[in-house]
Amino acid sequence: MASSELPVLVVGGGIGGFSAALALARKNIPVHLFEAASEFKEIGAGIQLGPNAFRMFDYLGVLEQMNYWAVLPDNIIFRDALSGEELIRVPAGRAMIKRFGYPYGVIHRADMHNVLIDAVKQQPLVTLSPGTKIVRHEDRGERVVIESEQGKTYEGRALVGADGLWSRTREYVVGDGKPRVSGHIAYRAVIPTGEVPQHLQENNVVLNAGPKTHLVHYPLTRGTVYNLVVVFHSSRYEEGWDQYGDPEELNERFRGQQPKVLEFLAMANTWKMWVLCDREPIRNWTRGRVTLMGDAAHPMLQYLAQGANMAMEDGVILAKHLAVAGDQINRAFLAYQQERYLRTTRVQITARLYGELYHAADATADFRKQLLAGRTPEQSYNGMAWLYEGIKV
């Protein structure tokens, strides 16, 4: 079979991998997607969606389905967790749509993933192989050959590594070792809305910022559950996204904060934890017929809430360049990364800076208050325009 007739091989069945598969199929490019786990599922809970994410949903033809599952908050609110003072409130409803053309929303990661899976399954050009861990690959110049843990081989015209923070594909392309451990840990919990006291319920995305800590809460899944995410500084390190958290450690870190914050923390019986990691931004994501996307290319801390959003943008831009590449795969990959790397670098660096402001103490907290005081919604929109206006395809 000629290499031009072979599929693009996508390793990784998360949000990024399925976004890429859908974008490629919509450009009439055959795809074979591989996932090591026996079933396609997402671990985690809430994702915040900027208007740039809804722009990608629209392009990928899944906007209506995502709108069904997403919750559109009225506001994004930033509060001081010690004093309870509201530092800034940004309208996230009609004013956001008027400014950027799309809303700001929140969605359960599994709901978002399932919409993408269902859309991909309707594409006859996509083959899905769950339960297939890829252990090695070989770039043969005119094609790529990969091998599964079971010893089966597959051929493709190119390989896209959508295999996340601990990407094997990145080791081949970049070879920069393990991710950078930030020293921050996140705990998450999902609580049925009926179990949340009425005085704590609000249709807003709320961030309560304290010294070396913060709590974010908002409704999910058509308002049926409440999503809690807490982040604090810690030297603890465990790989993965599904470890159990320690409530005692949490209580100690948040001691002395506002009663509402502590009330939220007391509601969760079980916390799942993950260690926050990222990497230094890089210019090159490509080697021959192999390229990277999403967290494999540009893992970022969650403080800008853009990890999944950037992965979707990657998939769309990757498909755009491959659609006109013919057999010039390396040239298409280089054009793709050239279009993406400065934008994703800005997100990576800005997320780190936001983490410093979120967890400010003492004089830095006073500076944060001065920085945000009197800021109008229009000023907030203008400050985020570089991100929320999204990409043009």
Protein backbone atom coordinates (compact mmCIF):
# COMPACT_ATOMS: atom_id res chain seq x y z
CA MET A 1 0.00 0.00 0.00
CA ALA A 2 1.30 3.46 -0.87
CA SER A 3 2.13 5.57 2.16
CA SER A 4 -0.39 8.21 1.06
CA GLU A 5 -3.15 5.60 1.49
CA LEU A 6 -2.11 4.67 5.02
CA PRO A 7 -3.81 6.17 8.07
CA VAL A 8 -2.35 8.70 10.44
CA LEU A 9 -1.57 6.81 13.65
CA VAL A 10 -2.69 8.63 16.81
CA VAL A 11 -1.37 7.26 20.11
CA GLY A 12 -3.54 8.34 23.03
CA GLY A 13 -7.30 8.20 23.46
CA GLY A 14 -7.90 11.28 25.59
CA ILE A 15 -9.52 14.56 24.65
CA GLY A 16 -6.55 15.59 22.49
CA GLY A 17 -6.33 12.30 20.62
CA PHE A 18 -10.05 12.20 19.84
CA SER A 19 -10.07 15.86 18.82
CA ALA A 20 -7.24 15.18 16.38
CA ALA A 21 -8.97 12.06 15.03
CA LEU A 22 -12.21 13.97 14.46
CA ALA A 23 -10.45 16.93 12.84
CA LEU A 24 -8.43 14.65 10.54
CA ALA A 25 -11.47 12.58 9.53
CA ARG A 26 -13.37 15.77 8.68
CA LYS A 27 -10.50 16.53 6.27
CA ASN A 28 -10.96 13.05 4.68
CA ILE A 29 -7.75 11.72 6.24
CA PRO A 30 -7.92 8.13 7.55
CA VAL A 31 -6.94 7.68 11.19
CA HIS A 32 -6.08 4.76 13.45
CA LEU A 33 -6.27 5.71 17.14
CA PHE A 34 -4.70 3.60 19.89
CA GLU A 35 -5.34 3.67 23.64
CA ALA A 36 -3.48 1.58 26.21
CA ALA A 37 -6.47 1.30 28.55
CA SER A 38 -9.07 -1.34 27.81
CA GLU A 39 -11.78 1.27 27.39
CA PHE A 40 -11.93 4.91 26.41
CA LYS A 41 -12.60 6.95 29.52
CA GLU A 42 -11.42 10.13 31.19
CA ILE A 43 -10.23 10.36 34.77
CA GLY A 44 -11.04 13.60 36.54
CA ALA A 45 -13.96 15.93 36.88
CA GLY A 46 -14.54 19.51 35.81
CA ILE A 47 -12.98 21.36 32.89
CA GLN A 48 -13.34 25.08 32.35
CA LEU A 49 -13.97 26.04 28.74
CA GLY A 50 -12.96 29.42 27.40
CA PRO A 51 -14.72 30.87 24.35
CA ASN A 52 -11.78 29.55 22.31
CA ALA A 53 -12.86 26.00 23.25
CA PHE A 54 -16.45 26.58 22.10
CA ARG A 55 -15.03 27.90 18.81
CA MET A 56 -13.32 24.51 18.37
CA PHE A 57 -16.53 22.64 19.23
CA ASP A 58 -18.26 24.62 16.50
CA TYR A 59 -15.54 23.82 13.97
CA LEU A 60 -15.58 20.11 14.88
CA GLY A 61 -19.37 19.92 14.55
CA VAL A 62 -20.07 19.07 18.21
CA LEU A 63 -21.20 22.45 19.55
CA GLU A 64 -24.83 21.45 20.08
CA GLN A 65 -23.88 18.31 22.00
CA MET A 66 -21.35 20.15 24.16
CA ASN A 67 -23.87 22.90 24.91
CA TYR A 68 -26.24 20.22 26.20
CA TRP A 69 -23.74 19.02 28.82
CA ALA A 70 -21.96 22.26 29.64
CA VAL A 71 -23.01 24.61 32.42
CA LEU A 72 -22.79 28.27 31.47
CA PRO A 73 -21.97 30.23 34.65
CA ASP A 74 -23.18 33.74 35.23
CA ASN A 75 -19.83 35.01 36.47
CA ILE A 76 -16.22 34.16 37.16
CA ILE A 77 -15.47 35.31 40.72
CA PHE A 78 -12.16 35.67 42.56
CA ARG A 79 -12.35 35.86 46.36
CA ASP A 80 -9.79 36.19 49.10
CA ALA A 81 -10.04 32.97 51.13
CA LEU A 82 -8.90 34.66 54.36
CA SER A 83 -11.03 37.79 54.34
CA GLY A 84 -13.86 36.59 52.10
CA GLU A 85 -13.54 39.80 50.09
CA GLU A 86 -14.55 39.62 46.45
CA LEU A 87 -11.57 40.90 44.47
CA ILE A 88 -13.04 40.70 40.99
CA ARG A 89 -16.22 39.54 39.22
CA VAL A 90 -16.22 38.97 35.46
CA PRO A 91 -19.60 38.40 33.74
CA ALA A 92 -19.49 35.11 31.83
CA GLY A 93 -22.92 35.16 30.19
CA ARG A 94 -24.23 37.30 27.36
CA ALA A 95 -21.48 39.90 27.76
CA MET A 96 -18.84 37.23 27.15
CA ILE A 97 -20.69 36.00 24.06
CA LYS A 98 -21.03 39.55 22.76
CA ARG A 99 -17.29 40.14 23.20
CA PHE A 100 -15.90 36.84 21.91
CA GLY A 101 -18.74 35.22 19.94
CA TYR A 102 -18.88 32.21 22.28
CA PRO A 103 -19.57 31.68 26.00
CA TYR A 104 -17.46 30.64 28.95
CA GLY A 105 -18.53 27.27 30.32
CA VAL A 106 -17.70 24.33 32.53
CA ILE A 107 -18.17 20.65 31.72
CA HIS A 108 -17.45 17.27 33.24
CA ARG A 109 -14.38 15.81 31.58
CA ALA A 110 -16.17 12.52 30.97
CA ASP A 111 -19.15 14.26 29.33
CA MET A 112 -16.84 16.17 27.00
CA HIS A 113 -14.84 13.05 26.18
CA ASN A 114 -17.98 11.03 25.44
CA VAL A 115 -19.26 13.64 22.99
CA LEU A 116 -15.96 13.45 21.09
CA ILE A 117 -15.97 9.65 21.16
CA ASP A 118 -19.51 9.48 19.79
CA ALA A 119 -18.63 11.94 17.02
CA VAL A 120 -15.51 9.98 16.05
CA LYS A 121 -17.41 6.68 16.00
CA GLN A 122 -19.64 8.16 13.30
CA GLN A 123 -16.59 8.74 11.09
CA PRO A 124 -15.96 5.74 8.80
CA LEU A 125 -12.36 6.86 8.23
CA VAL A 126 -11.40 6.28 11.89
CA THR A 127 -10.38 2.94 13.38
CA LEU A 128 -10.28 2.67 17.17
CA SER A 129 -8.07 0.23 19.08
CA PRO A 130 -8.50 0.37 22.86
CA GLY A 131 -6.47 -2.03 25.00
CA THR A 132 -3.47 -1.54 22.70
CA LYS A 133 -0.36 -0.22 24.40
CA ILE A 134 2.24 0.95 21.89
CA VAL A 135 5.74 0.08 23.07
CA ARG A 136 7.94 1.05 20.12
CA HIS A 137 7.88 2.67 16.73
CA GLU A 138 10.15 3.06 13.72
CA ASP A 139 10.20 5.92 11.22
CA ARG A 140 11.11 4.27 7.92
CA GLY A 141 11.20 7.47 5.92
CA GLU A 142 8.16 6.83 3.72
CA ARG A 143 6.02 5.42 6.55
CA VAL A 144 5.91 4.74 10.30
CA VAL A 145 5.63 1.28 11.84
CA ILE A 146 4.50 0.85 15.45
CA GLU A 147 4.38 -2.26 17.64
CA SER A 148 1.95 -3.05 20.44
CA GLU A 149 2.76 -4.75 23.72
CA GLN A 150 1.11 -7.86 22.28
CA GLY A 151 3.67 -7.87 19.43
CA LYS A 152 1.29 -6.75 16.68
CA THR A 153 2.54 -4.15 14.18
CA TYR A 154 0.67 -1.35 12.40
CA GLU A 155 1.72 0.92 9.55
CA GLY A 156 0.81 4.54 9.01
CA ARG A 157 1.80 7.56 6.99
CA ALA A 158 2.64 9.43 10.20
CA LEU A 159 2.53 9.17 13.98
CA VAL A 160 0.94 11.71 16.33
CA GLY A 161 1.86 11.40 20.00
CA ALA A 162 -1.21 12.41 22.03
CA ASP A 163 0.00 10.30 24.93
CA GLY A 164 0.02 12.94 27.63
CA LEU A 165 2.36 14.22 30.30
CA TRP A 166 4.44 11.03 30.53
CA SER A 167 4.59 10.61 26.75
CA ARG A 168 6.76 7.83 25.32
CA THR A 169 6.58 9.56 21.96
CA ARG A 170 8.07 12.73 23.44
CA GLU A 171 11.07 10.77 24.66
CA TYR A 172 11.79 9.85 21.03
CA VAL A 173 11.22 13.36 19.69
CA VAL A 174 12.70 15.48 22.50
CA GLY A 175 14.37 13.17 25.01
CA ASP A 176 14.05 15.57 27.95
CA GLY A 177 13.23 13.06 30.68
CA LYS A 178 10.53 13.34 33.30
CA PRO A 179 8.13 16.28 33.70
CA ARG A 180 8.91 19.20 36.01
CA VAL A 181 7.25 18.74 39.41
CA SER A 182 5.72 22.07 40.44
CA GLY A 183 5.48 21.47 44.19
CA HIS A 184 1.69 21.88 44.00
CA ILE A 185 -0.90 19.17 44.57
CA ALA A 186 -4.55 19.17 43.49
CA TYR A 187 -7.43 17.34 45.18
CA ARG A 188 -10.78 16.93 43.47
CA ALA A 189 -14.22 15.80 44.55
CA VAL A 190 -17.68 15.71 42.97
CA ILE A 191 -20.73 16.12 45.22
CA PRO A 192 -24.41 15.71 44.27
CA THR A 193 -25.94 19.18 44.18
CA GLY A 194 -28.71 18.07 46.53
CA GLU A 195 -26.08 17.54 49.24
CA VAL A 196 -24.71 21.07 48.90
CA PRO A 197 -26.40 23.54 51.31
CA GLN A 198 -28.45 26.17 49.52
CA HIS A 199 -26.35 29.05 50.83
CA LEU A 200 -23.27 27.57 49.12
CA GLN A 201 -24.88 27.02 45.73
CA GLU A 202 -24.35 29.59 42.99
CA ASN A 203 -24.21 29.46 39.21
CA ASN A 204 -20.70 30.87 39.15
CA VAL A 205 -17.15 29.67 38.81
CA VAL A 206 -15.64 30.75 42.11
CA LEU A 207 -11.97 30.77 43.06
CA ASN A 208 -11.13 31.27 46.73
CA ALA A 209 -7.44 32.20 46.93
CA GLY A 210 -5.36 31.84 50.08
CA PRO A 211 -1.67 31.63 51.01
CA LYS A 212 -0.24 28.70 49.03
CA THR A 213 -3.79 27.36 48.56
CA HIS A 214 -6.95 27.82 46.56
CA LEU A 215 -10.39 26.25 46.22
CA VAL A 216 -12.44 26.34 43.00
CA HIS A 217 -16.09 25.29 42.92
CA TYR A 218 -18.83 25.28 40.28
CA PRO A 219 -21.81 23.16 39.13
CA LEU A 220 -21.41 20.41 36.50
CA THR A 221 -23.42 17.98 34.37
CA ARG A 222 -26.50 20.14 33.83
CA GLY A 223 -26.28 21.31 37.43
CA THR A 224 -26.72 17.87 38.99
CA VAL A 225 -23.32 17.78 40.74
CA TYR A 226 -20.88 20.25 42.25
CA ASN A 227 -17.20 20.16 41.34
CA LEU A 228 -14.57 20.97 43.96
CA VAL A 229 -10.88 21.37 43.22
CA VAL A 230 -8.38 22.38 45.87
CA VAL A 231 -4.71 23.09 45.26
CA PHE A 232 -1.96 23.57 47.81
CA HIS A 233 1.82 23.52 47.99
CA SER A 234 3.35 20.18 48.93
CA SER A 235 6.52 18.18 48.32
CA ARG A 236 4.52 14.96 47.98
CA TYR A 237 4.98 13.26 44.61
CA GLU A 238 3.03 10.39 43.09
CA GLU A 239 2.56 9.80 39.39
CA GLY A 240 -0.92 9.50 37.97
CA TRP A 241 -4.31 11.19 38.23
CA ASP A 242 -6.22 8.82 40.47
CA GLN A 243 -4.52 8.58 43.88
CA TYR A 244 -6.50 9.10 47.09
CA GLY A 245 -5.98 12.36 48.96
CA ASP A 246 -5.46 12.84 52.69
CA PRO A 247 -8.26 14.90 54.34
CA GLU A 248 -6.06 15.64 57.35
CA GLU A 249 -3.40 17.20 55.17
CA LEU A 250 -6.11 19.25 53.48
CA ASN A 251 -7.52 20.53 56.75
CA GLU A 252 -4.09 21.57 57.92
CA ARG A 253 -3.30 23.48 54.74
CA PHE A 254 -6.60 25.40 54.77
CA ARG A 255 -6.73 26.12 58.49
CA GLY A 256 -7.99 29.63 59.31
CA GLN A 257 -9.75 30.27 56.00
CA GLN A 258 -13.30 31.53 55.55
CA PRO A 259 -16.17 29.38 56.98
CA LYS A 260 -17.63 28.80 53.49
CA VAL A 261 -14.30 27.42 52.27
CA LEU A 262 -14.04 25.06 55.23
CA GLU A 263 -17.68 24.03 54.81
CA PHE A 264 -17.00 22.99 51.22
CA LEU A 265 -13.96 20.99 52.30
CA ALA A 266 -15.94 19.17 55.00
CA MET A 267 -18.56 17.96 52.50
CA ALA A 268 -16.26 15.61 50.59
CA ASN A 269 -15.70 12.16 52.08
CA THR A 270 -13.27 11.04 49.41
CA TRP A 271 -10.71 13.13 47.55
CA LYS A 272 -8.72 12.08 44.51
CA MET A 273 -5.36 13.76 44.08
CA TRP A 274 -2.75 14.43 41.44
CA VAL A 275 0.61 16.17 41.46
CA LEU A 276 0.77 19.23 39.20
CA CYS A 277 3.57 19.03 36.65
CA ASP A 278 4.58 20.82 33.49
CA ARG A 279 7.65 21.14 31.28
CA GLU A 280 9.75 23.92 29.89
CA PRO A 281 8.33 25.21 26.59
CA ILE A 282 10.12 23.98 23.48
CA ARG A 283 10.15 25.08 19.84
CA ASN A 284 10.39 21.67 18.23
CA TRP A 285 7.73 18.96 18.65
CA THR A 286 8.61 16.99 15.50
CA ARG A 287 11.06 14.39 14.27
CA GLY A 288 10.55 13.14 10.72
CA ARG A 289 7.06 11.64 10.42
CA VAL A 290 6.45 11.85 14.17
CA THR A 291 4.97 14.83 16.00
CA LEU A 292 3.45 15.68 19.38
CA MET A 293 0.28 17.40 20.53
CA GLY A 294 -1.48 18.37 23.75
CA ASP A 295 0.27 17.54 27.01
CA ALA A 296 2.88 15.52 25.15
CA ALA A 297 4.01 18.72 23.41
CA HIS A 298 3.26 21.46 25.94
CA PRO A 299 2.06 20.28 29.36
CA MET A 300 0.89 23.21 31.46
CA LEU A 301 -0.23 23.91 34.98
CA GLN A 302 -3.99 24.19 35.34
CA TYR A 303 -4.12 27.80 36.56
CA LEU A 304 -5.25 29.15 33.19
CA ALA A 305 -7.69 26.23 32.65
CA GLN A 306 -6.50 25.70 29.08
CA GLY A 307 -4.92 22.24 28.85
CA ALA A 308 -7.81 20.51 27.05
CA ASN A 309 -8.59 23.67 25.08
CA MET A 310 -5.05 23.86 23.69
CA ALA A 311 -5.11 20.16 22.79
CA MET A 312 -8.27 20.68 20.72
CA GLU A 313 -6.70 23.62 18.93
CA ASP A 314 -3.64 21.47 18.21
CA GLY A 315 -5.78 18.80 16.59
CA VAL A 316 -7.56 21.27 14.34
CA ILE A 317 -4.37 23.00 13.18
CA LEU A 318 -2.61 19.68 12.68
CA ALA A 319 -5.42 18.48 10.43
CA LYS A 320 -5.35 21.74 8.48
CA HIS A 321 -1.69 21.30 7.56
CA LEU A 322 -1.87 17.56 6.87
CA ALA A 323 -4.83 18.10 4.54
CA VAL A 324 -2.66 20.05 2.08
CA ALA A 325 0.60 18.22 2.67
CA GLY A 326 0.32 15.29 0.31
CA ASP A 327 3.28 13.10 1.23
CA GLN A 328 5.29 16.04 2.64
CA ILE A 329 4.52 14.94 6.18
CA ASN A 330 7.56 16.45 7.86
CA ARG A 331 6.91 19.80 6.18
CA ALA A 332 3.29 19.74 7.39
CA PHE A 333 4.34 18.87 10.93
CA LEU A 334 6.88 21.70 11.00
CA ALA A 335 4.26 24.16 9.72
CA TYR A 336 1.83 22.91 12.39
CA GLN A 337 4.27 23.39 15.26
CA GLN A 338 5.37 26.78 13.90
CA GLU A 339 1.76 27.94 14.05
CA ARG A 340 1.21 26.57 17.54
CA TYR A 341 4.34 26.81 19.67
CA LEU A 342 4.34 30.50 20.61
CA ARG A 343 0.66 30.46 21.56
CA THR A 344 1.05 27.36 23.73
CA THR A 345 4.27 28.74 25.23
CA ARG A 346 2.40 31.88 26.26
CA VAL A 347 -0.25 29.73 27.94
CA GLN A 348 2.38 27.64 29.74
CA ILE A 349 4.22 30.68 31.10
CA THR A 350 1.05 32.61 31.96
CA ALA A 351 -0.32 29.60 33.87
CA ARG A 352 2.79 29.61 36.06
CA LEU A 353 2.38 33.34 36.74
CA TYR A 354 -1.30 32.90 37.61
CA GLY A 355 -0.29 30.22 40.11
CA GLU A 356 1.90 32.77 41.89
CA LEU A 357 -0.98 35.26 42.12
CA TYR A 358 -3.54 32.67 43.18
CA HIS A 359 -1.36 31.51 46.09
CA ALA A 360 -0.09 34.93 47.14
CA ALA A 361 0.62 35.80 50.77
CA ASP A 362 1.68 38.90 52.67
CA ALA A 363 2.90 41.73 50.40
CA THR A 364 2.23 39.75 47.23
CA ALA A 365 -1.41 39.34 48.29
CA ASP A 366 -1.64 43.10 48.82
CA PHE A 367 -0.19 43.64 45.35
CA ARG A 368 -2.75 41.21 43.91
CA LYS A 369 -5.55 43.18 45.53
CA GLN A 370 -4.20 46.44 44.11
CA LEU A 371 -3.82 44.84 40.68
CA LEU A 372 -7.43 43.64 40.56
CA ALA A 373 -9.13 46.53 42.38
CA GLY A 374 -11.50 48.52 40.21
CA ARG A 375 -10.87 46.37 37.16
CA THR A 376 -13.88 46.56 34.83
CA PRO A 377 -15.29 43.58 32.92
CA GLU A 378 -14.14 45.20 29.67
CA GLN A 379 -10.59 45.45 31.00
CA SER A 380 -10.73 41.79 31.97
CA TYR A 381 -11.98 40.84 28.51
CA ASN A 382 -9.27 42.89 26.84
CA GLY A 383 -6.63 41.22 28.99
CA MET A 384 -7.79 37.76 27.88
CA ALA A 385 -8.52 38.60 24.23
CA TRP A 386 -5.25 37.04 23.05
CA LEU A 387 -6.52 33.71 24.40
CA TYR A 388 -10.30 33.79 24.17
CA GLU A 389 -10.56 35.10 20.61
CA GLY A 390 -9.10 31.73 19.68
CA ILE A 391 -7.61 30.57 16.42
CA LYS A 392 -8.83 31.12 12.90
CA VAL A 393 -9.12 28.05 10.66
